PDB file of all heavy atoms in Angstrom:
ATOM      1  N   ASP A   1     129.172 209.655 -80.809  1.00  0.00           N
ATOM      2  CA  ASP A   1     129.639 210.975 -80.241  1.00  0.00           C
ATOM      3  C   ASP A   1     131.191 210.836 -80.164  1.00  0.00           C
ATOM      4  O   ASP A   1     131.863 211.890 -80.591  1.00  0.00           O
ATOM      5  CB  ASP A   1     129.064 211.273 -78.759  1.00  0.00           C
ATOM      6  CG  ASP A   1     127.689 211.667 -78.865  1.00  0.00           C
ATOM      7  OD1 ASP A   1     127.135 211.956 -80.028  1.00  0.00           O
ATOM      8  OD2 ASP A   1     126.978 211.668 -77.688  1.00  0.00           O
ATOM      9  N   VAL A   2     131.705 209.749 -79.705  1.00  0.00           N
ATOM     10  CA  VAL A   2     133.182 209.609 -79.622  1.00  0.00           C
ATOM     11  C   VAL A   2     133.774 209.551 -81.021  1.00  0.00           C
ATOM     12  O   VAL A   2     134.714 210.206 -81.284  1.00  0.00           O
ATOM     13  CB  VAL A   2     133.505 208.237 -78.919  1.00  0.00           C
ATOM     14  CG1 VAL A   2     134.909 207.978 -78.988  1.00  0.00           C
ATOM     15  CG2 VAL A   2     133.054 208.299 -77.391  1.00  0.00           C
ATOM     16  N   ALA A   3     133.203 208.889 -81.909  1.00  0.00           N
ATOM     17  CA  ALA A   3     133.499 208.569 -83.277  1.00  0.00           C
ATOM     18  C   ALA A   3     133.698 209.935 -84.027  1.00  0.00           C
ATOM     19  O   ALA A   3     134.611 210.281 -84.728  1.00  0.00           O
ATOM     20  CB  ALA A   3     132.802 207.678 -84.133  1.00  0.00           C
ATOM     21  N   ALA A   4     132.608 210.844 -83.734  1.00  0.00           N
ATOM     22  CA  ALA A   4     132.463 212.102 -84.417  1.00  0.00           C
ATOM     23  C   ALA A   4     133.581 213.065 -83.796  1.00  0.00           C
ATOM     24  O   ALA A   4     134.113 213.945 -84.731  1.00  0.00           O
ATOM     25  CB  ALA A   4     131.113 212.754 -84.240  1.00  0.00           C
ATOM     26  N   GLU A   5     133.974 213.007 -82.717  1.00  0.00           N
ATOM     27  CA  GLU A   5     135.099 213.789 -82.224  1.00  0.00           C
ATOM     28  C   GLU A   5     136.377 213.313 -82.734  1.00  0.00           C
ATOM     29  O   GLU A   5     137.270 214.142 -83.020  1.00  0.00           O
ATOM     30  CB  GLU A   5     135.103 213.569 -80.654  1.00  0.00           C
ATOM     31  CG  GLU A   5     134.028 214.386 -79.982  1.00  0.00           C
ATOM     32  CD  GLU A   5     134.065 214.278 -78.403  1.00  0.00           C
ATOM     33  OE1 GLU A   5     135.150 213.711 -77.930  1.00  0.00           O
ATOM     34  OE2 GLU A   5     133.062 214.589 -77.774  1.00  0.00           O
ATOM     35  N   LEU A   6     136.555 212.024 -82.948  1.00  0.00           N
ATOM     36  CA  LEU A   6     137.975 211.509 -83.467  1.00  0.00           C
ATOM     37  C   LEU A   6     138.129 211.877 -84.943  1.00  0.00           C
ATOM     38  O   LEU A   6     139.082 212.213 -85.451  1.00  0.00           O
ATOM     39  CB  LEU A   6     137.949 210.063 -83.195  1.00  0.00           C
ATOM     40  CG  LEU A   6     138.154 209.610 -81.670  1.00  0.00           C
ATOM     41  CD1 LEU A   6     138.123 208.198 -81.522  1.00  0.00           C
ATOM     42  CD2 LEU A   6     139.523 210.131 -81.181  1.00  0.00           C
ATOM     43  N   ILE A   7     136.982 211.631 -85.743  1.00  0.00           N
ATOM     44  CA  ILE A   7     137.036 212.019 -87.075  1.00  0.00           C
ATOM     45  C   ILE A   7     135.925 212.899 -87.454  1.00  0.00           C
ATOM     46  O   ILE A   7     134.863 212.510 -87.805  1.00  0.00           O
ATOM     47  CB  ILE A   7     136.997 210.688 -87.920  1.00  0.00           C
ATOM     48  CG1 ILE A   7     138.033 209.683 -87.424  1.00  0.00           C
ATOM     49  CG2 ILE A   7     137.097 210.922 -89.444  1.00  0.00           C
ATOM     50  CD1 ILE A   7     138.033 208.364 -88.134  1.00  0.00           C
ATOM     51  N   PRO A   8     135.964 214.220 -87.317  1.00  0.00           N
ATOM     52  CA  PRO A   8     134.922 215.074 -87.467  1.00  0.00           C
ATOM     53  C   PRO A   8     134.325 215.133 -88.929  1.00  0.00           C
ATOM     54  O   PRO A   8     133.035 215.406 -89.149  1.00  0.00           O
ATOM     55  CB  PRO A   8     135.461 216.432 -87.127  1.00  0.00           C
ATOM     56  CG  PRO A   8     136.826 216.143 -86.277  1.00  0.00           C
ATOM     57  CD  PRO A   8     137.175 214.829 -86.766  1.00  0.00           C
ATOM     58  N   ASN A   9     135.004 214.786 -89.961  1.00  0.00           N
ATOM     59  CA  ASN A   9     134.449 214.808 -91.139  1.00  0.00           C
ATOM     60  C   ASN A   9     133.731 213.596 -91.605  1.00  0.00           C
ATOM     61  O   ASN A   9     133.187 213.455 -92.772  1.00  0.00           O
ATOM     62  CB  ASN A   9     135.687 215.032 -92.200  1.00  0.00           C
ATOM     63  CG  ASN A   9     136.189 216.434 -92.072  1.00  0.00           C
ATOM     64  OD1 ASN A   9     135.478 217.364 -91.808  1.00  0.00           O
ATOM     65  ND2 ASN A   9     137.405 216.667 -92.463  1.00  0.00           N
ATOM     66  N   ALA A  10     133.761 212.466 -90.748  1.00  0.00           N
ATOM     67  CA  ALA A  10     133.112 211.311 -91.130  1.00  0.00           C
ATOM     68  C   ALA A  10     131.523 211.723 -91.251  1.00  0.00           C
ATOM     69  O   ALA A  10     131.049 212.552 -90.525  1.00  0.00           O
ATOM     70  CB  ALA A  10     133.330 210.279 -90.029  1.00  0.00           C
ATOM     71  N   SER A  11     130.803 210.803 -91.826  1.00  0.00           N
ATOM     72  CA  SER A  11     129.321 210.849 -91.981  1.00  0.00           C
ATOM     73  C   SER A  11     128.763 210.012 -90.886  1.00  0.00           C
ATOM     74  O   SER A  11     129.140 208.771 -90.708  1.00  0.00           O
ATOM     75  CB  SER A  11     128.933 210.395 -93.428  1.00  0.00           C
ATOM     76  OG  SER A  11     127.423 210.353 -93.457  1.00  0.00           O
ATOM     77  N   ILE A  12     127.738 210.385 -90.099  1.00  0.00           N
ATOM     78  CA  ILE A  12     127.135 209.697 -89.194  1.00  0.00           C
ATOM     79  C   ILE A  12     125.743 209.405 -89.672  1.00  0.00           C
ATOM     80  O   ILE A  12     124.863 210.232 -89.956  1.00  0.00           O
ATOM     81  CB  ILE A  12     126.912 210.475 -87.845  1.00  0.00           C
ATOM     82  CG1 ILE A  12     128.191 211.045 -87.318  1.00  0.00           C
ATOM     83  CG2 ILE A  12     126.254 209.596 -86.783  1.00  0.00           C
ATOM     84  CD1 ILE A  12     129.265 210.069 -86.988  1.00  0.00           C
ATOM     85  N   GLN A  13     125.443 207.932 -89.968  1.00  0.00           N
ATOM     86  CA  GLN A  13     124.255 207.551 -90.479  1.00  0.00           C
ATOM     87  C   GLN A  13     123.491 206.661 -89.614  1.00  0.00           C
ATOM     88  O   GLN A  13     123.976 205.423 -89.414  1.00  0.00           O
ATOM     89  CB  GLN A  13     124.516 206.855 -91.901  1.00  0.00           C
ATOM     90  CG  GLN A  13     125.272 207.828 -92.853  1.00  0.00           C
ATOM     91  CD  GLN A  13     125.430 207.303 -94.225  1.00  0.00           C
ATOM     92  OE1 GLN A  13     125.033 206.162 -94.585  1.00  0.00           O
ATOM     93  NE2 GLN A  13     126.115 208.014 -95.156  1.00  0.00           N
ATOM     94  N   HIS A  14     122.400 206.963 -88.938  1.00  0.00           N
ATOM     95  CA  HIS A  14     121.750 206.339 -87.964  1.00  0.00           C
ATOM     96  C   HIS A  14     120.871 205.211 -88.561  1.00  0.00           C
ATOM     97  O   HIS A  14     120.234 205.448 -89.614  1.00  0.00           O
ATOM     98  CB  HIS A  14     120.961 207.231 -87.170  1.00  0.00           C
ATOM     99  CG  HIS A  14     121.620 208.307 -86.466  1.00  0.00           C
ATOM    100  ND1 HIS A  14     121.851 209.556 -87.001  1.00  0.00           N
ATOM    101  CD2 HIS A  14     122.290 208.497 -85.242  1.00  0.00           C
ATOM    102  CE1 HIS A  14     122.563 210.326 -86.335  1.00  0.00           C
ATOM    103  NE2 HIS A  14     122.827 209.654 -85.142  1.00  0.00           N
ATOM    104  N   VAL A  15     120.897 204.095 -87.878  1.00  0.00           N
ATOM    105  CA  VAL A  15     119.952 203.066 -88.217  1.00  0.00           C
ATOM    106  C   VAL A  15     119.256 202.775 -86.905  1.00  0.00           C
ATOM    107  O   VAL A  15     119.672 202.660 -85.913  1.00  0.00           O
ATOM    108  CB  VAL A  15     120.533 201.823 -88.750  1.00  0.00           C
ATOM    109  CG1 VAL A  15     121.100 202.163 -90.116  1.00  0.00           C
ATOM    110  CG2 VAL A  15     121.643 201.285 -87.879  1.00  0.00           C
ATOM    111  N   GLY A  16     117.780 202.493 -86.977  1.00  0.00           N
ATOM    112  CA  GLY A  16     117.038 202.309 -85.865  1.00  0.00           C
ATOM    113  C   GLY A  16     116.253 201.066 -85.860  1.00  0.00           C
ATOM    114  O   GLY A  16     115.534 200.760 -86.786  1.00  0.00           O
ATOM    115  N   MET A  17     116.348 200.309 -84.771  1.00  0.00           N
ATOM    116  CA  MET A  17     115.510 199.101 -84.689  1.00  0.00           C
ATOM    117  C   MET A  17     115.307 198.700 -83.253  1.00  0.00           C
ATOM    118  O   MET A  17     116.291 199.087 -82.328  1.00  0.00           O
ATOM    119  CB  MET A  17     116.094 197.817 -85.439  1.00  0.00           C
ATOM    120  CG  MET A  17     117.437 197.357 -84.858  1.00  0.00           C
ATOM    121  SD  MET A  17     118.285 196.312 -86.153  1.00  0.00           S
ATOM    122  CE  MET A  17     118.945 197.393 -87.260  1.00  0.00           C
ATOM    123  N   TYR A  18     114.236 198.052 -82.784  1.00  0.00           N
ATOM    124  CA  TYR A  18     114.150 197.740 -81.449  1.00  0.00           C
ATOM    125  C   TYR A  18     113.972 196.231 -81.441  1.00  0.00           C
ATOM    126  O   TYR A  18     113.558 195.693 -82.560  1.00  0.00           O
ATOM    127  CB  TYR A  18     112.966 198.332 -80.710  1.00  0.00           C
ATOM    128  CG  TYR A  18     111.631 198.025 -81.380  1.00  0.00           C
ATOM    129  CD1 TYR A  18     110.782 197.036 -80.953  1.00  0.00           C
ATOM    130  CD2 TYR A  18     111.060 198.888 -82.388  1.00  0.00           C
ATOM    131  CE1 TYR A  18     109.578 196.693 -81.513  1.00  0.00           C
ATOM    132  CE2 TYR A  18     109.868 198.747 -82.825  1.00  0.00           C
ATOM    133  CZ  TYR A  18     109.146 197.588 -82.482  1.00  0.00           C
ATOM    134  OH  TYR A  18     107.797 197.260 -82.910  1.00  0.00           O
ATOM    135  N   ARG A  19     114.110 195.478 -80.300  1.00  0.00           N
ATOM    136  CA  ARG A  19     114.037 194.106 -80.346  1.00  0.00           C
ATOM    137  C   ARG A  19     112.694 193.731 -79.858  1.00  0.00           C
ATOM    138  O   ARG A  19     112.222 194.168 -78.826  1.00  0.00           O
ATOM    139  CB  ARG A  19     115.187 193.573 -79.370  1.00  0.00           C
ATOM    140  CG  ARG A  19     115.152 191.971 -79.301  1.00  0.00           C
ATOM    141  CD  ARG A  19     116.292 191.427 -78.538  1.00  0.00           C
ATOM    142  NE  ARG A  19     116.366 191.813 -77.145  1.00  0.00           N
ATOM    143  CZ  ARG A  19     117.281 191.601 -76.313  1.00  0.00           C
ATOM    144  NH1 ARG A  19     118.264 190.755 -76.575  1.00  0.00           N
ATOM    145  NH2 ARG A  19     117.213 192.024 -75.007  1.00  0.00           N
ATOM    146  N   ASP A  20     111.915 192.813 -80.642  1.00  0.00           N
ATOM    147  CA  ASP A  20     110.839 192.223 -80.169  1.00  0.00           C
ATOM    148  C   ASP A  20     111.160 191.380 -78.978  1.00  0.00           C
ATOM    149  O   ASP A  20     111.923 190.303 -79.029  1.00  0.00           O
ATOM    150  CB  ASP A  20     110.156 191.427 -81.359  1.00  0.00           C
ATOM    151  CG  ASP A  20     108.788 190.962 -80.979  1.00  0.00           C
ATOM    152  OD1 ASP A  20     108.736 190.075 -79.998  1.00  0.00           O
ATOM    153  OD2 ASP A  20     107.803 191.222 -81.686  1.00  0.00           O
ATOM    154  N   GLU A  21     110.613 191.620 -77.763  1.00  0.00           N
ATOM    155  CA  GLU A  21     110.895 190.946 -76.645  1.00  0.00           C
ATOM    156  C   GLU A  21     110.511 189.494 -76.574  1.00  0.00           C
ATOM    157  O   GLU A  21     110.842 188.656 -75.744  1.00  0.00           O
ATOM    158  CB  GLU A  21     110.440 191.509 -75.340  1.00  0.00           C
ATOM    159  CG  GLU A  21     110.965 192.962 -75.083  1.00  0.00           C
ATOM    160  CD  GLU A  21     112.557 192.940 -74.871  1.00  0.00           C
ATOM    161  OE1 GLU A  21     112.944 191.867 -74.356  1.00  0.00           O
ATOM    162  OE2 GLU A  21     113.251 193.850 -75.332  1.00  0.00           O
ATOM    163  N   ILE A  22     109.585 189.142 -77.490  1.00  0.00           N
ATOM    164  CA  ILE A  22     109.150 187.591 -77.527  1.00  0.00           C
ATOM    165  C   ILE A  22     109.904 186.889 -78.564  1.00  0.00           C
ATOM    166  O   ILE A  22     110.462 185.850 -78.278  1.00  0.00           O
ATOM    167  CB  ILE A  22     107.667 187.584 -77.961  1.00  0.00           C
ATOM    168  CG1 ILE A  22     106.826 188.312 -76.919  1.00  0.00           C
ATOM    169  CG2 ILE A  22     107.184 186.219 -78.081  1.00  0.00           C
ATOM    170  CD1 ILE A  22     105.331 188.254 -77.245  1.00  0.00           C
ATOM    171  N   THR A  23     110.119 187.446 -79.769  1.00  0.00           N
ATOM    172  CA  THR A  23     110.897 186.658 -80.813  1.00  0.00           C
ATOM    173  C   THR A  23     112.498 186.986 -80.798  1.00  0.00           C
ATOM    174  O   THR A  23     113.196 186.281 -81.376  1.00  0.00           O
ATOM    175  CB  THR A  23     110.275 187.027 -82.210  1.00  0.00           C
ATOM    176  OG1 THR A  23     110.686 188.440 -82.479  1.00  0.00           O
ATOM    177  CG2 THR A  23     108.965 186.822 -82.280  1.00  0.00           C
ATOM    178  N   LEU A  24     112.763 188.102 -80.170  1.00  0.00           N
ATOM    179  CA  LEU A  24     114.107 188.655 -80.180  1.00  0.00           C
ATOM    180  C   LEU A  24     114.686 189.004 -81.416  1.00  0.00           C
ATOM    181  O   LEU A  24     115.861 189.254 -81.552  1.00  0.00           O
ATOM    182  CB  LEU A  24     115.107 187.525 -79.403  1.00  0.00           C
ATOM    183  CG  LEU A  24     114.691 187.072 -78.000  1.00  0.00           C
ATOM    184  CD1 LEU A  24     115.873 186.135 -77.590  1.00  0.00           C
ATOM    185  CD2 LEU A  24     114.557 188.213 -77.039  1.00  0.00           C
ATOM    186  N   LYS A  25     113.733 189.185 -82.354  1.00  0.00           N
ATOM    187  CA  LYS A  25     114.011 189.735 -83.807  1.00  0.00           C
ATOM    188  C   LYS A  25     114.027 191.208 -83.854  1.00  0.00           C
ATOM    189  O   LYS A  25     113.218 191.893 -83.101  1.00  0.00           O
ATOM    190  CB  LYS A  25     113.070 189.036 -84.783  1.00  0.00           C
ATOM    191  CG  LYS A  25     113.155 187.503 -84.851  1.00  0.00           C
ATOM    192  CD  LYS A  25     114.565 187.010 -85.245  1.00  0.00           C
ATOM    193  CE  LYS A  25     114.430 185.476 -85.517  1.00  0.00           C
ATOM    194  NZ  LYS A  25     115.747 184.943 -85.652  1.00  0.00           N
ATOM    195  N   PRO A  26     114.866 191.762 -84.716  1.00  0.00           N
ATOM    196  CA  PRO A  26     114.771 193.300 -84.764  1.00  0.00           C
ATOM    197  C   PRO A  26     113.700 193.756 -85.566  1.00  0.00           C
ATOM    198  O   PRO A  26     113.103 193.122 -86.528  1.00  0.00           O
ATOM    199  CB  PRO A  26     116.183 193.555 -85.483  1.00  0.00           C
ATOM    200  CG  PRO A  26     116.457 192.323 -86.322  1.00  0.00           C
ATOM    201  CD  PRO A  26     115.863 191.161 -85.460  1.00  0.00           C
ATOM    202  N   VAL A  27     113.136 194.902 -85.152  1.00  0.00           N
ATOM    203  CA  VAL A  27     112.004 195.453 -85.769  1.00  0.00           C
ATOM    204  C   VAL A  27     112.557 196.868 -86.307  1.00  0.00           C
ATOM    205  O   VAL A  27     112.861 197.834 -85.329  1.00  0.00           O
ATOM    206  CB  VAL A  27     110.764 195.762 -84.980  1.00  0.00           C
ATOM    207  CG1 VAL A  27     109.638 196.318 -85.681  1.00  0.00           C
ATOM    208  CG2 VAL A  27     110.294 194.279 -84.401  1.00  0.00           C
ATOM    209  N   TRP A  28     112.602 197.258 -87.473  1.00  0.00           N
ATOM    210  CA  TRP A  28     113.014 198.481 -88.002  1.00  0.00           C
ATOM    211  C   TRP A  28     112.187 199.617 -87.819  1.00  0.00           C
ATOM    212  O   TRP A  28     110.942 199.341 -87.993  1.00  0.00           O
ATOM    213  CB  TRP A  28     113.387 198.348 -89.538  1.00  0.00           C
ATOM    214  CG  TRP A  28     114.617 197.570 -89.928  1.00  0.00           C
ATOM    215  CD1 TRP A  28     114.846 196.267 -90.116  1.00  0.00           C
ATOM    216  CD2 TRP A  28     115.932 198.226 -90.077  1.00  0.00           C
ATOM    217  NE1 TRP A  28     116.158 195.893 -90.473  1.00  0.00           N
ATOM    218  CE2 TRP A  28     116.773 197.101 -90.354  1.00  0.00           C
ATOM    219  CE3 TRP A  28     116.435 199.430 -89.964  1.00  0.00           C
ATOM    220  CZ2 TRP A  28     118.224 197.165 -90.547  1.00  0.00           C
ATOM    221  CZ3 TRP A  28     117.806 199.634 -90.126  1.00  0.00           C
ATOM    222  CH2 TRP A  28     118.636 198.610 -90.444  1.00  0.00           C
ATOM    223  N   TYR A  29     112.681 200.705 -87.445  1.00  0.00           N
ATOM    224  CA  TYR A  29     111.892 201.951 -87.334  1.00  0.00           C
ATOM    225  C   TYR A  29     112.587 203.116 -87.943  1.00  0.00           C
ATOM    226  O   TYR A  29     111.894 204.182 -88.212  1.00  0.00           O
ATOM    227  CB  TYR A  29     111.294 202.310 -85.939  1.00  0.00           C
ATOM    228  CG  TYR A  29     112.461 202.563 -84.970  1.00  0.00           C
ATOM    229  CD1 TYR A  29     112.832 203.945 -84.828  1.00  0.00           C
ATOM    230  CD2 TYR A  29     113.037 201.568 -84.264  1.00  0.00           C
ATOM    231  CE1 TYR A  29     113.944 204.352 -83.937  1.00  0.00           C
ATOM    232  CE2 TYR A  29     114.066 202.013 -83.222  1.00  0.00           C
ATOM    233  CZ  TYR A  29     114.501 203.302 -83.133  1.00  0.00           C
ATOM    234  OH  TYR A  29     115.469 203.647 -82.331  1.00  0.00           O
ATOM    235  N   TYR A  30     113.821 203.069 -88.351  1.00  0.00           N
ATOM    236  CA  TYR A  30     114.579 204.301 -88.764  1.00  0.00           C
ATOM    237  C   TYR A  30     115.679 203.873 -89.730  1.00  0.00           C
ATOM    238  O   TYR A  30     116.416 202.914 -89.377  1.00  0.00           O
ATOM    239  CB  TYR A  30     115.119 205.070 -87.746  1.00  0.00           C
ATOM    240  CG  TYR A  30     115.514 206.571 -88.145  1.00  0.00           C
ATOM    241  CD1 TYR A  30     114.590 207.428 -88.490  1.00  0.00           C
ATOM    242  CD2 TYR A  30     116.931 206.759 -88.141  1.00  0.00           C
ATOM    243  CE1 TYR A  30     115.141 208.678 -88.785  1.00  0.00           C
ATOM    244  CE2 TYR A  30     117.312 207.983 -88.651  1.00  0.00           C
ATOM    245  CZ  TYR A  30     116.427 209.105 -88.868  1.00  0.00           C
ATOM    246  OH  TYR A  30     116.797 210.332 -89.220  1.00  0.00           O
ATOM    247  N   ASP A  31     115.964 204.524 -90.860  1.00  0.00           N
ATOM    248  CA  ASP A  31     117.044 204.172 -91.709  1.00  0.00           C
ATOM    249  C   ASP A  31     117.522 205.407 -92.339  1.00  0.00           C
ATOM    250  O   ASP A  31     116.794 205.968 -93.230  1.00  0.00           O
ATOM    251  CB  ASP A  31     116.651 203.174 -92.706  1.00  0.00           C
ATOM    252  CG  ASP A  31     117.743 202.916 -93.763  1.00  0.00           C
ATOM    253  OD1 ASP A  31     118.935 203.319 -93.563  1.00  0.00           O
ATOM    254  OD2 ASP A  31     117.427 202.033 -94.716  1.00  0.00           O
ATOM    255  N   LYS A  32     118.674 206.037 -92.073  1.00  0.00           N
ATOM    256  CA  LYS A  32     119.165 207.286 -92.649  1.00  0.00           C
ATOM    257  C   LYS A  32     120.418 206.989 -93.455  1.00  0.00           C
ATOM    258  O   LYS A  32     121.317 207.660 -93.446  1.00  0.00           O
ATOM    259  CB  LYS A  32     119.625 208.156 -91.283  1.00  0.00           C
ATOM    260  CG  LYS A  32     119.895 209.576 -91.807  1.00  0.00           C
ATOM    261  CD  LYS A  32     118.717 210.298 -92.563  1.00  0.00           C
ATOM    262  CE  LYS A  32     118.961 211.774 -92.861  1.00  0.00           C
ATOM    263  NZ  LYS A  32     117.813 212.325 -93.663  1.00  0.00           N
TER     264      LYS A  32
END
């Protein structure tokens, strides 16, 4: 949100992952 205010013409490309609480490894669920 801060970045978009500072540079409004920038592209915001979300990446989503959560951490497996046992292995501590990332699990992907979103890639824009």
